[in-house]
Amino acid sequence: MHALFGRLYTEKPPKEVKPIIGALEQGFYECPASGKRVYRINSISQAQQILGHKWTDESWGESSVLANQFRITPSASVAVMGDNDQRLVFFDQSNQLVAVYPRSD
């Protein structure tokens, strides 16, 4: 939700939020107004299918930092914010955000 609507997403009315959460539970949601997209994934190969054509310099190998993150927290989402702005967001078993890749410092 944060990836789609920013930090003010909590101000969205529940009537508007419920269908979005339902769509994300099914695996995909696109925000019609902005074109932002979020995909729920659980493997590095799924991330590579979605981002491989954009992240051409990324190391997708088994010993990469990204592969290690998937071993630790396999529940993730790909947030596509624009042509040059994509992120992987990782969640623990209680659906709490635990990591963002690449990190924006």
PDB file of N, CA and C in Angstrom:
ATOM      1  N   MET A   1       0.819  -1.182   0.000  1.00  0.00           N
ATOM      2  CA  MET A   1       0.000   0.000   0.000  1.00  0.00           C
ATOM      3  C   MET A   1       0.868   1.252   0.000  1.00  0.00           C
ATOM      4  N   HIS A   2       1.935   1.205   0.773  1.00  0.00           N
ATOM      5  CA  HIS A   2       2.846   2.338   0.824  1.00  0.00           C
ATOM      6  C   HIS A   2       3.466   2.594  -0.544  1.00  0.00           C
ATOM      7  N   ALA A   3       3.830   1.525  -1.255  1.00  0.00           N
ATOM      8  CA  ALA A   3       4.438   1.681  -2.573  1.00  0.00           C
ATOM      9  C   ALA A   3       3.472   2.317  -3.567  1.00  0.00           C
ATOM     10  N   LEU A   4       2.205   1.999  -3.454  1.00  0.00           N
ATOM     11  CA  LEU A   4       1.216   2.540  -4.388  1.00  0.00           C
ATOM     12  C   LEU A   4       0.813   3.971  -4.080  1.00  0.00           C
ATOM     13  N   PHE A   5       0.638   4.276  -2.791  1.00  0.00           N
ATOM     14  CA  PHE A   5       0.020   5.546  -2.420  1.00  0.00           C
ATOM     15  C   PHE A   5       0.864   6.455  -1.542  1.00  0.00           C
ATOM     16  N   GLY A   6       2.069   6.020  -1.184  1.00  0.00           N
ATOM     17  CA  GLY A   6       2.902   6.845  -0.323  1.00  0.00           C
ATOM     18  C   GLY A   6       2.509   6.707   1.132  1.00  0.00           C
ATOM     19  N   ARG A   7       3.128   7.522   1.964  1.00  0.00           N
ATOM     20  CA  ARG A   7       2.934   7.362   3.404  1.00  0.00           C
ATOM     21  C   ARG A   7       1.540   7.745   3.878  1.00  0.00           C
ATOM     22  N   LEU A   8       0.759   8.394   3.045  1.00  0.00           N
ATOM     23  CA  LEU A   8      -0.593   8.786   3.433  1.00  0.00           C
ATOM     24  C   LEU A   8      -1.631   7.706   3.109  1.00  0.00           C
ATOM     25  N   TYR A   9      -1.175   6.513   2.762  1.00  0.00           N
ATOM     26  CA  TYR A   9      -2.113   5.460   2.385  1.00  0.00           C
ATOM     27  C   TYR A   9      -3.083   5.116   3.512  1.00  0.00           C
ATOM     28  N   THR A  10      -2.687   5.352   4.757  1.00  0.00           N
ATOM     29  CA  THR A  10      -3.572   5.030   5.878  1.00  0.00           C
ATOM     30  C   THR A  10      -4.800   5.932   5.915  1.00  0.00           C
ATOM     31  N   GLU A  11      -4.762   7.039   5.190  1.00  0.00           N
ATOM     32  CA  GLU A  11      -5.897   7.949   5.151  1.00  0.00           C
ATOM     33  C   GLU A  11      -6.938   7.545   4.113  1.00  0.00           C
ATOM     34  N   LYS A  12      -6.636   6.510   3.324  1.00  0.00           N
ATOM     35  CA  LYS A  12      -7.592   6.026   2.322  1.00  0.00           C
ATOM     36  C   LYS A  12      -8.783   5.396   3.042  1.00  0.00           C
ATOM     37  N   PRO A  13      -9.989   5.624   2.547  1.00  0.00           N
ATOM     38  CA  PRO A  13     -11.153   5.011   3.191  1.00  0.00           C
ATOM     39  C   PRO A  13     -11.127   3.482   3.047  1.00  0.00           C
ATOM     40  N   PRO A  14     -11.579   2.766   4.091  1.00  0.00           N
ATOM     41  CA  PRO A  14     -11.568   1.296   4.052  1.00  0.00           C
ATOM     42  C   PRO A  14     -12.266   0.724   2.818  1.00  0.00           C
ATOM     43  N   LYS A  15     -13.296   1.384   2.355  1.00  0.00           N
ATOM     44  CA  LYS A  15     -14.036   0.940   1.169  1.00  0.00           C
ATOM     45  C   LYS A  15     -13.128   0.915  -0.067  1.00  0.00           C
ATOM     46  N   GLU A  16     -12.165   1.840  -0.123  1.00  0.00           N
ATOM     47  CA  GLU A  16     -11.225   1.927  -1.239  1.00  0.00           C
ATOM     48  C   GLU A  16     -10.057   0.955  -1.067  1.00  0.00           C
ATOM     49  N   VAL A  17      -9.673   0.696   0.176  1.00  0.00           N
ATOM     50  CA  VAL A  17      -8.510  -0.137   0.468  1.00  0.00           C
ATOM     51  C   VAL A  17      -8.808  -1.633   0.321  1.00  0.00           C
ATOM     52  N   LYS A  18      -9.994  -2.048   0.709  1.00  0.00           N
ATOM     53  CA  LYS A  18     -10.340  -3.474   0.725  1.00  0.00           C
ATOM     54  C   LYS A  18     -10.144  -4.164  -0.627  1.00  0.00           C
ATOM     55  N   PRO A  19     -10.630  -3.608  -1.751  1.00  0.00           N
ATOM     56  CA  PRO A  19     -10.404  -4.286  -3.033  1.00  0.00           C
ATOM     57  C   PRO A  19      -8.929  -4.343  -3.437  1.00  0.00           C
ATOM     58  N   ILE A  20      -8.154  -3.363  -3.013  1.00  0.00           N
ATOM     59  CA  ILE A  20      -6.723  -3.347  -3.331  1.00  0.00           C
ATOM     60  C   ILE A  20      -6.022  -4.469  -2.578  1.00  0.00           C
ATOM     61  N   ILE A  21      -6.323  -4.607  -1.291  1.00  0.00           N
ATOM     62  CA  ILE A  21      -5.729  -5.683  -0.503  1.00  0.00           C
ATOM     63  C   ILE A  21      -6.130  -7.038  -1.080  1.00  0.00           C
ATOM     64  N   GLY A  22      -7.382  -7.168  -1.477  1.00  0.00           N
ATOM     65  CA  GLY A  22      -7.847  -8.405  -2.104  1.00  0.00           C
ATOM     66  C   GLY A  22      -7.083  -8.727  -3.370  1.00  0.00           C
ATOM     67  N   ALA A  23      -6.847  -7.716  -4.198  1.00  0.00           N
ATOM     68  CA  ALA A  23      -6.089  -7.928  -5.430  1.00  0.00           C
ATOM     69  C   ALA A  23      -4.650  -8.322  -5.123  1.00  0.00           C
ATOM     70  N   LEU A  24      -4.034  -7.681  -4.137  1.00  0.00           N
ATOM     71  CA  LEU A  24      -2.660  -8.021  -3.773  1.00  0.00           C
ATOM     72  C   LEU A  24      -2.573  -9.446  -3.230  1.00  0.00           C
ATOM     73  N   GLU A  25      -3.591  -9.887  -2.518  1.00  0.00           N
ATOM     74  CA  GLU A  25      -3.601 -11.267  -2.031  1.00  0.00           C
ATOM     75  C   GLU A  25      -3.678 -12.255  -3.192  1.00  0.00           C
ATOM     76  N   GLN A  26      -4.258 -11.826  -4.296  1.00  0.00           N
ATOM     77  CA  GLN A  26      -4.312 -12.662  -5.497  1.00  0.00           C
ATOM     78  C   GLN A  26      -3.019 -12.586  -6.310  1.00  0.00           C
ATOM     79  N   GLY A  27      -2.187 -11.573  -6.032  1.00  0.00           N
ATOM     80  CA  GLY A  27      -0.876 -11.515  -6.666  1.00  0.00           C
ATOM     81  C   GLY A  27      -0.531 -10.279  -7.467  1.00  0.00           C
ATOM     82  N   PHE A  28      -1.505  -9.416  -7.798  1.00  0.00           N
ATOM     83  CA  PHE A  28      -1.182  -8.273  -8.641  1.00  0.00           C
ATOM     84  C   PHE A  28      -2.193  -7.158  -8.439  1.00  0.00           C
ATOM     85  N   TYR A  29      -1.691  -5.914  -8.444  1.00  0.00           N
ATOM     86  CA  TYR A  29      -2.568  -4.749  -8.443  1.00  0.00           C
ATOM     87  C   TYR A  29      -1.912  -3.624  -9.226  1.00  0.00           C
ATOM     88  N   GLU A  30      -2.714  -2.921 -10.022  1.00  0.00           N
ATOM     89  CA  GLU A  30      -2.239  -1.734 -10.729  1.00  0.00           C
ATOM     90  C   GLU A  30      -3.117  -0.562 -10.328  1.00  0.00           C
ATOM     91  N   CYS A  31      -2.471   0.545  -9.998  1.00  0.00           N
ATOM     92  CA  CYS A  31      -3.180   1.772  -9.638  1.00  0.00           C
ATOM     93  C   CYS A  31      -3.519   2.513 -10.937  1.00  0.00           C
ATOM     94  N   PRO A  32      -4.792   2.528 -11.336  1.00  0.00           N
ATOM     95  CA  PRO A  32      -5.163   3.109 -12.627  1.00  0.00           C
ATOM     96  C   PRO A  32      -4.737   4.565 -12.800  1.00  0.00           C
ATOM     97  N   ALA A  33      -4.814   5.363 -11.749  1.00  0.00           N
ATOM     98  CA  ALA A  33      -4.502   6.791 -11.865  1.00  0.00           C
ATOM     99  C   ALA A  33      -3.028   7.046 -12.151  1.00  0.00           C
ATOM    100  N   SER A  34      -2.144   6.232 -11.569  1.00  0.00           N
ATOM    101  CA  SER A  34      -0.710   6.488 -11.696  1.00  0.00           C
ATOM    102  C   SER A  34       0.027   5.477 -12.565  1.00  0.00           C
ATOM    103  N   GLY A  35      -0.585   4.316 -12.786  1.00  0.00           N
ATOM    104  CA  GLY A  35       0.096   3.259 -13.535  1.00  0.00           C
ATOM    105  C   GLY A  35       1.074   2.450 -12.693  1.00  0.00           C
ATOM    106  N   LYS A  36       1.182   2.760 -11.406  1.00  0.00           N
ATOM    107  CA  LYS A  36       2.066   2.001 -10.524  1.00  0.00           C
ATOM    108  C   LYS A  36       1.510   0.587 -10.387  1.00  0.00           C
ATOM    109  N   ARG A  37       2.430  -0.402 -10.296  1.00  0.00           N
ATOM    110  CA  ARG A  37       2.021  -1.797 -10.198  1.00  0.00           C
ATOM    111  C   ARG A  37       2.750  -2.477  -9.050  1.00  0.00           C
ATOM    112  N   VAL A  38       2.074  -3.433  -8.432  1.00  0.00           N
ATOM    113  CA  VAL A  38       2.684  -4.230  -7.377  1.00  0.00           C
ATOM    114  C   VAL A  38       2.367  -5.691  -7.655  1.00  0.00           C
ATOM    115  N   TYR A  39       3.398  -6.528  -7.611  1.00  0.00           N
ATOM    116  CA  TYR A  39       3.270  -7.964  -7.802  1.00  0.00           C
ATOM    117  C   TYR A  39       3.714  -8.664  -6.528  1.00  0.00           C
ATOM    118  N   ARG A  40       2.934  -9.605  -6.018  1.00  0.00           N
ATOM    119  CA  ARG A  40       3.357 -10.422  -4.879  1.00  0.00           C
ATOM    120  C   ARG A  40       4.138 -11.610  -5.444  1.00  0.00           C
ATOM    121  N   ILE A  41       5.299 -11.859  -4.902  1.00  0.00           N
ATOM    122  CA  ILE A  41       6.154 -12.943  -5.381  1.00  0.00           C
ATOM    123  C   ILE A  41       6.749 -13.683  -4.187  1.00  0.00           C
ATOM    124  N   ASN A  42       7.368 -14.856  -4.464  1.00  0.00           N
ATOM    125  CA  ASN A  42       8.026 -15.597  -3.385  1.00  0.00           C
ATOM    126  C   ASN A  42       9.299 -16.295  -3.836  1.00  0.00           C
ATOM    127  N   SER A  43       9.864 -15.817  -4.945  1.00  0.00           N
ATOM    128  CA  SER A  43      11.139 -16.397  -5.380  1.00  0.00           C
ATOM    129  C   SER A  43      11.929 -15.398  -6.219  1.00  0.00           C
ATOM    130  N   ILE A  44      13.220 -15.618  -6.246  1.00  0.00           N
ATOM    131  CA  ILE A  44      14.082 -14.747  -7.042  1.00  0.00           C
ATOM    132  C   ILE A  44      13.806 -14.925  -8.532  1.00  0.00           C
ATOM    133  N   SER A  45      13.388 -16.130  -8.941  1.00  0.00           N
ATOM    134  CA  SER A  45      13.099 -16.335 -10.368  1.00  0.00           C
ATOM    135  C   SER A  45      11.881 -15.518 -10.797  1.00  0.00           C
ATOM    136  N   GLN A  46      10.876 -15.383  -9.915  1.00  0.00           N
ATOM    137  CA  GLN A  46       9.727 -14.535 -10.233  1.00  0.00           C
ATOM    138  C   GLN A  46      10.154 -13.073 -10.341  1.00  0.00           C
ATOM    139  N   ALA A  47      11.022 -12.635  -9.440  1.00  0.00           N
ATOM    140  CA  ALA A  47      11.530 -11.261  -9.506  1.00  0.00           C
ATOM    141  C   ALA A  47      12.291 -11.038 -10.808  1.00  0.00           C
ATOM    142  N   GLN A  48      13.086 -12.008 -11.189  1.00  0.00           N
ATOM    143  CA  GLN A  48      13.865 -11.879 -12.418  1.00  0.00           C
ATOM    144  C   GLN A  48      12.956 -11.821 -13.643  1.00  0.00           C
ATOM    145  N   GLN A  49      11.869 -12.579 -13.644  1.00  0.00           N
ATOM    146  CA  GLN A  49      10.931 -12.531 -14.766  1.00  0.00           C
ATOM    147  C   GLN A  49      10.331 -11.143 -14.930  1.00  0.00           C
ATOM    148  N   ILE A  50      10.036 -10.496 -13.826  1.00  0.00           N
ATOM    149  CA  ILE A  50       9.411  -9.168 -13.874  1.00  0.00           C
ATOM    150  C   ILE A  50      10.435  -8.066 -14.114  1.00  0.00           C
ATOM    151  N   LEU A  51      11.599  -8.168 -13.470  1.00  0.00           N
ATOM    152  CA  LEU A  51      12.564  -7.065 -13.483  1.00  0.00           C
ATOM    153  C   LEU A  51      13.800  -7.305 -14.351  1.00  0.00           C
ATOM    154  N   GLY A  52      14.013  -8.523 -14.817  1.00  0.00           N
ATOM    155  CA  GLY A  52      15.244  -8.856 -15.527  1.00  0.00           C
ATOM    156  C   GLY A  52      15.553  -7.964 -16.709  1.00  0.00           C
ATOM    157  N   HIS A  53      14.538  -7.543 -17.427  1.00  0.00           N
ATOM    158  CA  HIS A  53      14.773  -6.677 -18.599  1.00  0.00           C
ATOM    159  C   HIS A  53      15.150  -5.255 -18.196  1.00  0.00           C
ATOM    160  N   LYS A  54      14.803  -4.835 -16.983  1.00  0.00           N
ATOM    161  CA  LYS A  54      15.163  -3.502 -16.489  1.00  0.00           C
ATOM    162  C   LYS A  54      16.441  -3.535 -15.650  1.00  0.00           C
ATOM    163  N   TRP A  55      16.610  -4.583 -14.868  1.00  0.00           N
ATOM    164  CA  TRP A  55      17.756  -4.701 -13.972  1.00  0.00           C
ATOM    165  C   TRP A  55      18.828  -5.553 -14.633  1.00  0.00           C
ATOM    166  N   THR A  56      19.346  -5.083 -15.738  1.00  0.00           N
ATOM    167  CA  THR A  56      20.309  -5.863 -16.513  1.00  0.00           C
ATOM    168  C   THR A  56      21.647  -6.021 -15.806  1.00  0.00           C
ATOM    169  N   ASP A  57      21.996  -5.126 -14.903  1.00  0.00           N
ATOM    170  CA  ASP A  57      23.265  -5.222 -14.176  1.00  0.00           C
ATOM    171  C   ASP A  57      23.143  -6.004 -12.871  1.00  0.00           C
ATOM    172  N   GLU A  58      21.941  -6.453 -12.554  1.00  0.00           N
ATOM    173  CA  GLU A  58      21.701  -7.159 -11.293  1.00  0.00           C
ATOM    174  C   GLU A  58      22.301  -8.562 -11.316  1.00  0.00           C
ATOM    175  N   SER A  59      22.852  -8.967 -10.184  1.00  0.00           N
ATOM    176  CA  SER A  59      23.336 -10.336 -10.030  1.00  0.00           C
ATOM    177  C   SER A  59      22.188 -11.185  -9.503  1.00  0.00           C
ATOM    178  N   TRP A  60      21.725 -12.121 -10.326  1.00  0.00           N
ATOM    179  CA  TRP A  60      20.598 -12.975  -9.964  1.00  0.00           C
ATOM    180  C   TRP A  60      21.074 -14.350  -9.478  1.00  0.00           C
ATOM    181  N   GLY A  61      22.371 -14.552  -9.368  1.00  0.00           N
ATOM    182  CA  GLY A  61      22.924 -15.855  -9.007  1.00  0.00           C
ATOM    183  C   GLY A  61      22.623 -16.272  -7.577  1.00  0.00           C
ATOM    184  N   GLU A  62      22.843 -17.563  -7.300  1.00  0.00           N
ATOM    185  CA  GLU A  62      22.547 -18.133  -5.987  1.00  0.00           C
ATOM    186  C   GLU A  62      23.342 -17.519  -4.846  1.00  0.00           C
ATOM    187  N   SER A  63      24.507 -16.968  -5.133  1.00  0.00           N
ATOM    188  CA  SER A  63      25.331 -16.396  -4.065  1.00  0.00           C
ATOM    189  C   SER A  63      25.186 -14.870  -3.973  1.00  0.00           C
ATOM    190  N   SER A  64      24.238 -14.299  -4.707  1.00  0.00           N
ATOM    191  CA  SER A  64      24.063 -12.842  -4.696  1.00  0.00           C
ATOM    192  C   SER A  64      23.388 -12.367  -3.413  1.00  0.00           C
ATOM    193  N   VAL A  65      23.530 -11.092  -3.137  1.00  0.00           N
ATOM    194  CA  VAL A  65      22.872 -10.458  -1.986  1.00  0.00           C
ATOM    195  C   VAL A  65      21.358 -10.637  -2.107  1.00  0.00           C
ATOM    196  N   LEU A  66      20.854 -10.473  -3.292  1.00  0.00           N
ATOM    197  CA  LEU A  66      19.420 -10.591  -3.519  1.00  0.00           C
ATOM    198  C   LEU A  66      18.928 -12.018  -3.263  1.00  0.00           C
ATOM    199  N   ALA A  67      19.660 -13.014  -3.733  1.00  0.00           N
ATOM    200  CA  ALA A  67      19.287 -14.414  -3.489  1.00  0.00           C
ATOM    201  C   ALA A  67      19.302 -14.718  -1.996  1.00  0.00           C
ATOM    202  N   ASN A  68      20.274 -14.173  -1.295  1.00  0.00           N
ATOM    203  CA  ASN A  68      20.337 -14.376   0.153  1.00  0.00           C
ATOM    204  C   ASN A  68      19.116 -13.759   0.839  1.00  0.00           C
ATOM    205  N   GLN A  69      18.695 -12.593   0.398  1.00  0.00           N
ATOM    206  CA  GLN A  69      17.511 -11.961   0.988  1.00  0.00           C
ATOM    207  C   GLN A  69      16.273 -12.834   0.772  1.00  0.00           C
ATOM    208  N   PHE A  70      16.146 -13.439  -0.408  1.00  0.00           N
ATOM    209  CA  PHE A  70      15.015 -14.333  -0.660  1.00  0.00           C
ATOM    210  C   PHE A  70      15.073 -15.584   0.213  1.00  0.00           C
ATOM    211  N   ARG A  71      16.275 -16.056   0.547  1.00  0.00           N
ATOM    212  CA  ARG A  71      16.386 -17.204   1.452  1.00  0.00           C
ATOM    213  C   ARG A  71      15.906 -16.835   2.862  1.00  0.00           C
ATOM    214  N   ILE A  72      16.220 -15.621   3.280  1.00  0.00           N
ATOM    215  CA  ILE A  72      15.835 -15.165   4.617  1.00  0.00           C
ATOM    216  C   ILE A  72      14.349 -14.837   4.685  1.00  0.00           C
ATOM    217  N   THR A  73      13.852 -14.093   3.693  1.00  0.00           N
ATOM    218  CA  THR A  73      12.457 -13.646   3.672  1.00  0.00           C
ATOM    219  C   THR A  73      11.875 -13.856   2.277  1.00  0.00           C
ATOM    220  N   PRO A  74      11.328 -15.037   2.021  1.00  0.00           N
ATOM    221  CA  PRO A  74      10.842 -15.340   0.672  1.00  0.00           C
ATOM    222  C   PRO A  74       9.563 -14.608   0.274  1.00  0.00           C
ATOM    223  N   SER A  75       8.853 -14.009   1.226  1.00  0.00           N
ATOM    224  CA  SER A  75       7.638 -13.284   0.887  1.00  0.00           C
ATOM    225  C   SER A  75       8.017 -11.858   0.488  1.00  0.00           C
ATOM    226  N   ALA A  76       7.721 -11.511  -0.753  1.00  0.00           N
ATOM    227  CA  ALA A  76       8.148 -10.204  -1.254  1.00  0.00           C
ATOM    228  C   ALA A  76       7.127  -9.652  -2.236  1.00  0.00           C
ATOM    229  N   SER A  77       7.310  -8.409  -2.566  1.00  0.00           N
ATOM    230  CA  SER A  77       6.528  -7.765  -3.615  1.00  0.00           C
ATOM    231  C   SER A  77       7.478  -6.989  -4.503  1.00  0.00           C
ATOM    232  N   VAL A  78       7.131  -6.923  -5.777  1.00  0.00           N
ATOM    233  CA  VAL A  78       7.838  -6.058  -6.703  1.00  0.00           C
ATOM    234  C   VAL A  78       6.968  -4.830  -6.877  1.00  0.00           C
ATOM    235  N   ALA A  79       7.510  -3.670  -6.571  1.00  0.00           N
ATOM    236  CA  ALA A  79       6.794  -2.417  -6.751  1.00  0.00           C
ATOM    237  C   ALA A  79       7.391  -1.700  -7.955  1.00  0.00           C
ATOM    238  N   VAL A  80       6.581  -1.505  -8.989  1.00  0.00           N
ATOM    239  CA  VAL A  80       7.018  -0.808 -10.195  1.00  0.00           C
ATOM    240  C   VAL A  80       6.404   0.578 -10.146  1.00  0.00           C
ATOM    241  N   MET A  81       7.248   1.549  -9.832  1.00  0.00           N
ATOM    242  CA  MET A  81       6.772   2.913  -9.658  1.00  0.00           C
ATOM    243  C   MET A  81       6.875   3.731 -10.943  1.00  0.00           C
ATOM    244  N   GLY A  82       7.725   3.288 -11.843  1.00  0.00           N
ATOM    245  CA  GLY A  82       7.929   3.966 -13.112  1.00  0.00           C
ATOM    246  C   GLY A  82       8.974   3.213 -13.914  1.00  0.00           C
ATOM    247  N   ASP A  83       9.287   3.704 -15.093  1.00  0.00           N
ATOM    248  CA  ASP A  83      10.241   3.008 -15.956  1.00  0.00           C
ATOM    249  C   ASP A  83      11.593   2.785 -15.290  1.00  0.00           C
ATOM    250  N   ASN A  84      12.031   3.744 -14.493  1.00  0.00           N
ATOM    251  CA  ASN A  84      13.346   3.629 -13.866  1.00  0.00           C
ATOM    252  C   ASN A  84      13.270   3.570 -12.347  1.00  0.00           C
ATOM    253  N   ASP A  85      12.145   3.173 -11.828  1.00  0.00           N
ATOM    254  CA  ASP A  85      11.981   3.111 -10.380  1.00  0.00           C
ATOM    255  C   ASP A  85      11.221   1.848 -10.006  1.00  0.00           C
ATOM    256  N   GLN A  86      11.968   0.809  -9.674  1.00  0.00           N
ATOM    257  CA  GLN A  86      11.394  -0.447  -9.221  1.00  0.00           C
ATOM    258  C   GLN A  86      12.083  -0.859  -7.933  1.00  0.00           C
ATOM    259  N   ARG A  87      11.331  -1.477  -7.051  1.00  0.00           N
ATOM    260  CA  ARG A  87      11.863  -1.934  -5.775  1.00  0.00           C
ATOM    261  C   ARG A  87      11.317  -3.319  -5.459  1.00  0.00           C
ATOM    262  N   LEU A  88      12.094  -4.078  -4.706  1.00  0.00           N
ATOM    263  CA  LEU A  88      11.624  -5.311  -4.099  1.00  0.00           C
ATOM    264  C   LEU A  88      11.423  -5.005  -2.622  1.00  0.00           C
ATOM    265  N   VAL A  89      10.260  -5.328  -2.110  1.00  0.00           N
ATOM    266  CA  VAL A  89       9.985  -5.122  -0.694  1.00  0.00           C
ATOM    267  C   VAL A  89       9.710  -6.485  -0.063  1.00  0.00           C
ATOM    268  N   PHE A  90      10.386  -6.758   1.055  1.00  0.00           N
ATOM    269  CA  PHE A  90      10.338  -8.073   1.693  1.00  0.00           C
ATOM    270  C   PHE A  90       9.571  -8.000   3.002  1.00  0.00           C
ATOM    271  N   PHE A  91       8.776  -9.043   3.277  1.00  0.00           N
ATOM    272  CA  PHE A  91       7.918  -9.098   4.459  1.00  0.00           C
ATOM    273  C   PHE A  91       8.179 -10.372   5.244  1.00  0.00           C
ATOM    274  N   ASP A  92       8.025 -10.272   6.567  1.00  0.00           N
ATOM    275  CA  ASP A  92       8.147 -11.468   7.398  1.00  0.00           C
ATOM    276  C   ASP A  92       6.798 -12.200   7.443  1.00  0.00           C
ATOM    277  N   GLN A  93       6.713 -13.247   8.273  1.00  0.00           N
ATOM    278  CA  GLN A  93       5.508 -14.071   8.344  1.00  0.00           C
ATOM    279  C   GLN A  93       4.288 -13.295   8.828  1.00  0.00           C
ATOM    280  N   SER A  94       4.502 -12.228   9.580  1.00  0.00           N
ATOM    281  CA  SER A  94       3.376 -11.431  10.071  1.00  0.00           C
ATOM    282  C   SER A  94       3.063 -10.253   9.140  1.00  0.00           C
ATOM    283  N   ASN A  95       3.636 -10.284   7.952  1.00  0.00           N
ATOM    284  CA  ASN A  95       3.402  -9.272   6.918  1.00  0.00           C
ATOM    285  C   ASN A  95       3.970  -7.902   7.281  1.00  0.00           C
ATOM    286  N   GLN A  96       5.004  -7.877   8.112  1.00  0.00           N
ATOM    287  CA  GLN A  96       5.694  -6.629   8.451  1.00  0.00           C
ATOM    288  C   GLN A  96       6.855  -6.425   7.480  1.00  0.00           C
ATOM    289  N   LEU A  97       7.042  -5.211   7.026  1.00  0.00           N
ATOM    290  CA  LEU A  97       8.141  -4.885   6.133  1.00  0.00           C
ATOM    291  C   LEU A  97       9.470  -5.081   6.859  1.00  0.00           C
ATOM    292  N   VAL A  98      10.393  -5.850   6.243  1.00  0.00           N
ATOM    293  CA  VAL A  98      11.691  -6.098   6.875  1.00  0.00           C
ATOM    294  C   VAL A  98      12.860  -5.629   6.017  1.00  0.00           C
ATOM    295  N   ALA A  99      12.659  -5.461   4.716  1.00  0.00           N
ATOM    296  CA  ALA A  99      13.776  -5.020   3.865  1.00  0.00           C
ATOM    297  C   ALA A  99      13.253  -4.462   2.554  1.00  0.00           C
ATOM    298  N   VAL A 100      14.034  -3.549   1.984  1.00  0.00           N
ATOM    299  CA  VAL A 100      13.744  -2.988   0.662  1.00  0.00           C
ATOM    300  C   VAL A 100      15.022  -3.124  -0.152  1.00  0.00           C
ATOM    301  N   TYR A 101      14.881  -3.541  -1.404  1.00  0.00           N
ATOM    302  CA  TYR A 101      16.038  -3.717  -2.279  1.00  0.00           C
ATOM    303  C   TYR A 101      15.717  -3.090  -3.623  1.00  0.00           C
ATOM    304  N   PRO A 102      16.580  -2.310  -4.228  1.00  0.00           N
ATOM    305  CA  PRO A 102      17.805  -1.794  -3.620  1.00  0.00           C
ATOM    306  C   PRO A 102      17.463  -0.742  -2.579  1.00  0.00           C
ATOM    307  N   ARG A 103      18.351  -0.649  -1.620  1.00  0.00           N
ATOM    308  CA  ARG A 103      18.155   0.337  -0.560  1.00  0.00           C
ATOM    309  C   ARG A 103      18.353   1.728  -1.129  1.00  0.00           C
ATOM    310  N   SER A 104      17.510   2.641  -0.696  1.00  0.00           N
ATOM    311  CA  SER A 104      17.694   4.044  -1.076  1.00  0.00           C
ATOM    312  C   SER A 104      18.194   4.771   0.153  1.00  0.00           C
ATOM    313  N   ASP A 105      19.448   5.136   0.141  1.00  0.00           N
ATOM    314  CA  ASP A 105      20.065   5.773   1.322  1.00  0.00           C
ATOM    315  C   ASP A 105      19.887   7.267   1.322  1.00  0.00           C
TER     316      ASP A 105
END
